[in-house]
Protein backbone atom coordinates (compact mmCIF):
# COMPACT_ATOMS: atom_id res chain seq x y z
CA UNK A 1 44.62 182.57 72.26
CA UNK A 2 46.75 185.51 72.96
CA UNK A 3 47.96 186.79 76.36
CA UNK A 4 45.59 189.62 76.03
CA UNK A 5 42.48 187.29 75.69
CA UNK A 6 43.72 185.23 78.66
CA UNK A 7 43.90 188.54 80.75
CA UNK A 8 40.38 189.24 79.75
CA UNK A 9 39.20 185.81 80.79
CA UNK A 10 41.11 186.11 84.21
CA UNK A 11 39.38 189.58 84.91
CA UNK A 12 36.05 187.96 84.22
CA UNK A 13 36.72 184.98 86.39
CA UNK A 14 38.15 187.16 89.25
CA UNK A 15 35.01 189.37 88.89
CA UNK A 16 32.82 186.31 89.32
CA UNK A 17 34.98 185.03 92.26
CA UNK A 18 34.65 188.51 93.99
CA UNK A 19 30.92 188.60 93.54
CA UNK A 20 30.51 185.11 94.87
CA UNK A 21 32.66 185.92 97.79
CA UNK A 22 30.50 189.17 98.40
CA UNK A 23 27.28 187.01 98.26
CA UNK A 24 28.78 184.53 100.72
CA UNK A 25 29.73 187.25 103.08
CA UNK A 26 26.24 188.99 102.83
CA UNK A 27 24.67 185.58 103.60
CA UNK A 28 26.93 185.05 106.63
CA UNK A 29 26.34 188.62 107.95
CA UNK A 30 22.64 188.10 107.77
CA UNK A 31 22.79 184.73 109.42
CA UNK A 32 24.95 186.23 112.14
CA UNK A 33 22.42 189.18 112.63
CA UNK A 34 19.44 186.89 112.75
CA UNK A 35 21.26 184.63 115.32
CA UNK A 36 22.11 187.72 117.46
CA UNK A 37 18.33 188.78 117.22
CA UNK A 38 17.08 185.39 118.30
CA UNK A 39 19.47 185.44 121.21
CA UNK A 40 18.44 188.87 122.20
CA UNK A 41 14.80 187.87 122.14
CA UNK A 42 15.44 184.77 124.08
CA UNK A 43 17.24 186.61 126.83
CA UNK A 44 14.38 189.12 127.10
CA UNK A 45 11.77 186.62 127.36
CA UNK A 46 13.73 184.32 129.68
CA UNK A 47 14.42 187.36 131.82
CA UNK A 48 10.60 188.17 132.04
CA UNK A 49 9.67 184.56 132.68
CA UNK A 50 12.33 184.39 135.38
CA UNK A 51 11.03 187.54 136.96
CA UNK A 52 7.46 185.86 136.95
CA UNK A 53 8.62 182.70 138.40
CA UNK A 54 10.79 184.28 141.06
CA UNK A 55 7.72 185.65 142.75
CA UNK A 56 7.13 182.24 144.17
CA UNK A 57 10.62 180.97 143.79
CA UNK A 58 10.99 180.45 147.59
CA UNK A 59 8.51 179.97 150.44
CA UNK A 60 9.46 183.30 151.82
CA UNK A 61 8.96 185.11 148.52
CA UNK A 62 5.74 183.37 147.92
CA UNK A 63 4.39 184.18 151.25
CA UNK A 64 5.57 187.92 150.95
CA UNK A 65 3.88 188.17 147.50
CA UNK A 66 0.64 186.64 148.56
CA UNK A 67 0.38 188.84 151.52
CA UNK A 68 1.27 191.98 149.49
CA UNK A 69 -1.19 190.86 146.77
CA UNK A 70 -3.99 191.68 149.20
CA UNK A 71 -2.69 195.15 150.13
CA UNK A 72 0.65 196.75 150.92
CA UNK A 73 -0.54 197.96 154.32
CA UNK A 74 -0.41 194.47 155.71
CA UNK A 75 3.21 194.15 155.16
CA UNK A 76 6.12 195.42 157.39
CA UNK A 77 8.45 197.92 155.79
CA UNK A 78 10.87 195.03 155.04
CA UNK A 79 8.46 192.97 153.33
CA UNK A 80 7.17 196.06 151.54
CA UNK A 81 10.73 196.47 150.19
CA UNK A 82 10.79 192.76 149.17
CA UNK A 83 7.37 193.07 147.41
CA UNK A 84 8.89 196.33 145.63
CA UNK A 85 11.81 194.29 144.45
CA UNK A 86 9.57 191.60 142.99
CA UNK A 87 7.57 194.12 141.16
CA UNK A 88 10.68 195.94 139.89
CA UNK A 89 11.83 192.70 138.40
CA UNK A 90 8.59 192.20 136.74
CA UNK A 91 8.47 195.70 135.32
CA UNK A 92 12.11 195.51 134.13
CA UNK A 93 11.31 192.12 132.52
CA UNK A 94 8.29 193.59 130.79
CA UNK A 95 10.03 196.72 129.68
CA UNK A 96 12.53 194.38 127.75
CA UNK A 97 9.69 192.54 126.06
CA UNK A 98 7.98 195.92 125.24
CA UNK A 99 11.10 197.31 123.75
CA UNK A 100 11.77 194.39 121.64
CA UNK A 101 8.21 194.52 120.37
CA UNK A 102 8.57 198.24 119.59
CA UNK A 103 11.74 197.29 117.68
CA UNK A 104 9.95 194.73 115.65
CA UNK A 105 12.21 192.06 117.24
CA UNK A 106 9.42 190.21 118.99
CA UNK A 107 6.39 188.94 117.25
CA UNK A 108 2.77 190.05 118.13
CA UNK A 109 1.70 186.63 119.72
CA UNK A 110 4.66 186.43 122.06
CA UNK A 111 4.28 190.04 123.02
CA UNK A 112 0.60 189.70 123.78
CA UNK A 113 1.13 186.61 125.80
CA UNK A 114 3.74 188.28 128.02
CA UNK A 115 1.51 191.45 128.17
CA UNK A 116 -1.43 189.32 129.40
CA UNK A 117 0.75 187.72 132.05
CA UNK A 118 2.18 191.02 133.23
CA UNK A 119 -1.21 192.98 133.22
CA UNK A 120 -2.96 190.07 135.09
CA UNK A 121 -0.35 190.45 137.87
CA UNK A 122 -0.58 194.03 137.87
CA UNK A 123 -4.43 194.06 138.37
CA UNK A 124 -3.96 192.21 141.73
CA UNK A 125 -5.04 194.77 144.24
CA UNK A 126 -1.58 195.18 146.07
CA UNK A 127 0.39 195.18 142.67
CA UNK A 128 -2.00 197.83 141.38
CA UNK A 129 -1.53 199.85 144.58
CA UNK A 130 2.19 199.45 144.04
CA UNK A 131 2.08 200.47 140.49
CA UNK A 132 0.06 203.60 141.29
CA UNK A 133 2.92 204.77 143.61
CA UNK A 134 5.73 203.58 141.35
CA UNK A 135 4.64 204.41 137.90
CA UNK A 136 6.21 207.88 137.78
CA UNK A 137 9.68 206.13 137.52
CA UNK A 138 9.60 203.96 134.31
CA UNK A 139 9.62 205.59 130.81
CA UNK A 140 6.50 207.48 130.05
CA UNK A 141 5.72 205.38 126.82
CA UNK A 142 5.78 202.12 128.88
CA UNK A 143 3.50 203.59 131.61
CA UNK A 144 1.11 204.92 129.08
CA UNK A 145 0.95 201.61 127.31
CA UNK A 146 0.59 199.49 130.56
CA UNK A 147 -2.10 201.82 131.87
CA UNK A 148 -4.02 201.91 128.43
CA UNK A 149 -4.06 198.09 128.19
CA UNK A 150 -4.88 197.64 131.88
CA UNK A 151 -7.90 199.90 131.62
CA UNK A 152 -9.07 198.76 128.12
CA UNK A 153 -12.28 196.66 128.75
CA UNK A 154 -11.84 195.13 125.19
CA UNK A 155 -8.62 193.36 126.29
CA UNK A 156 -10.49 191.22 128.69
CA UNK A 157 -7.49 190.69 131.08
CA UNK A 158 -8.60 189.54 134.42
CA UNK A 159 -6.50 189.92 137.44
CA UNK A 160 -4.53 186.81 138.28
CA UNK A 161 -6.15 186.75 141.60
CA UNK A 162 -9.48 186.15 139.80
CA UNK A 163 -8.34 183.13 137.85
CA UNK A 164 -5.59 181.56 140.12
CA UNK A 165 -7.41 180.18 143.15
CA UNK A 166 -4.33 179.99 145.50
CA UNK A 167 -3.38 183.58 144.70
CA UNK A 168 -7.08 184.65 145.98
CA UNK A 169 -6.64 182.82 149.24
CA UNK A 170 -4.54 184.04 152.18
C-alpha cells in the first residue's frame, strides 16, 4: 500500500468522522430545542394555573373575588383594583397559553382545557363586566378569539358560577 493510498483512506475516514460528528451535533441541537420548548410550555401553563389558583390563594383574595363575581359595583374602589389585578393575571396567563398554541408549541387538548377554565371564569357576571370594560387593552387577536369562544353556543362552556356551588353563593 502506498502513501497515496493511505492518504485516500485517511480522507475517507476523516469524512466519515466529520459526518458522524455533524449528525451528533444535529441530534444534540434538536434535543436542546425540544427541551427548551417543553420548558417554555411548562412555564406558560404553570403561570396560568398559578393565576387561577391565586384568585383564592388567601382568604382576602377569595372574599374579594367572590364579591366581585356578583358585580363590580358591590366592591369599593380598592377592592375593584384588587379584582382587576386578579383578572389581569388570568388574562396574561391565558395570553401565554394562546400564543403557545398559535405557535404550535402547545397541543390542542391542553389548550382547550385552559381555554375552558378561562372562559368559564370570564362568564361569571362580575368577570364579564370587567372584561367588557377592559378588552380594548389586550391584543385584538386575543380579544376576538376570547369573544368568539365565549359567545359560541356549540362550545358549551358554562360560567364557573353555574358549576361550582361555592362560587354561586355569597
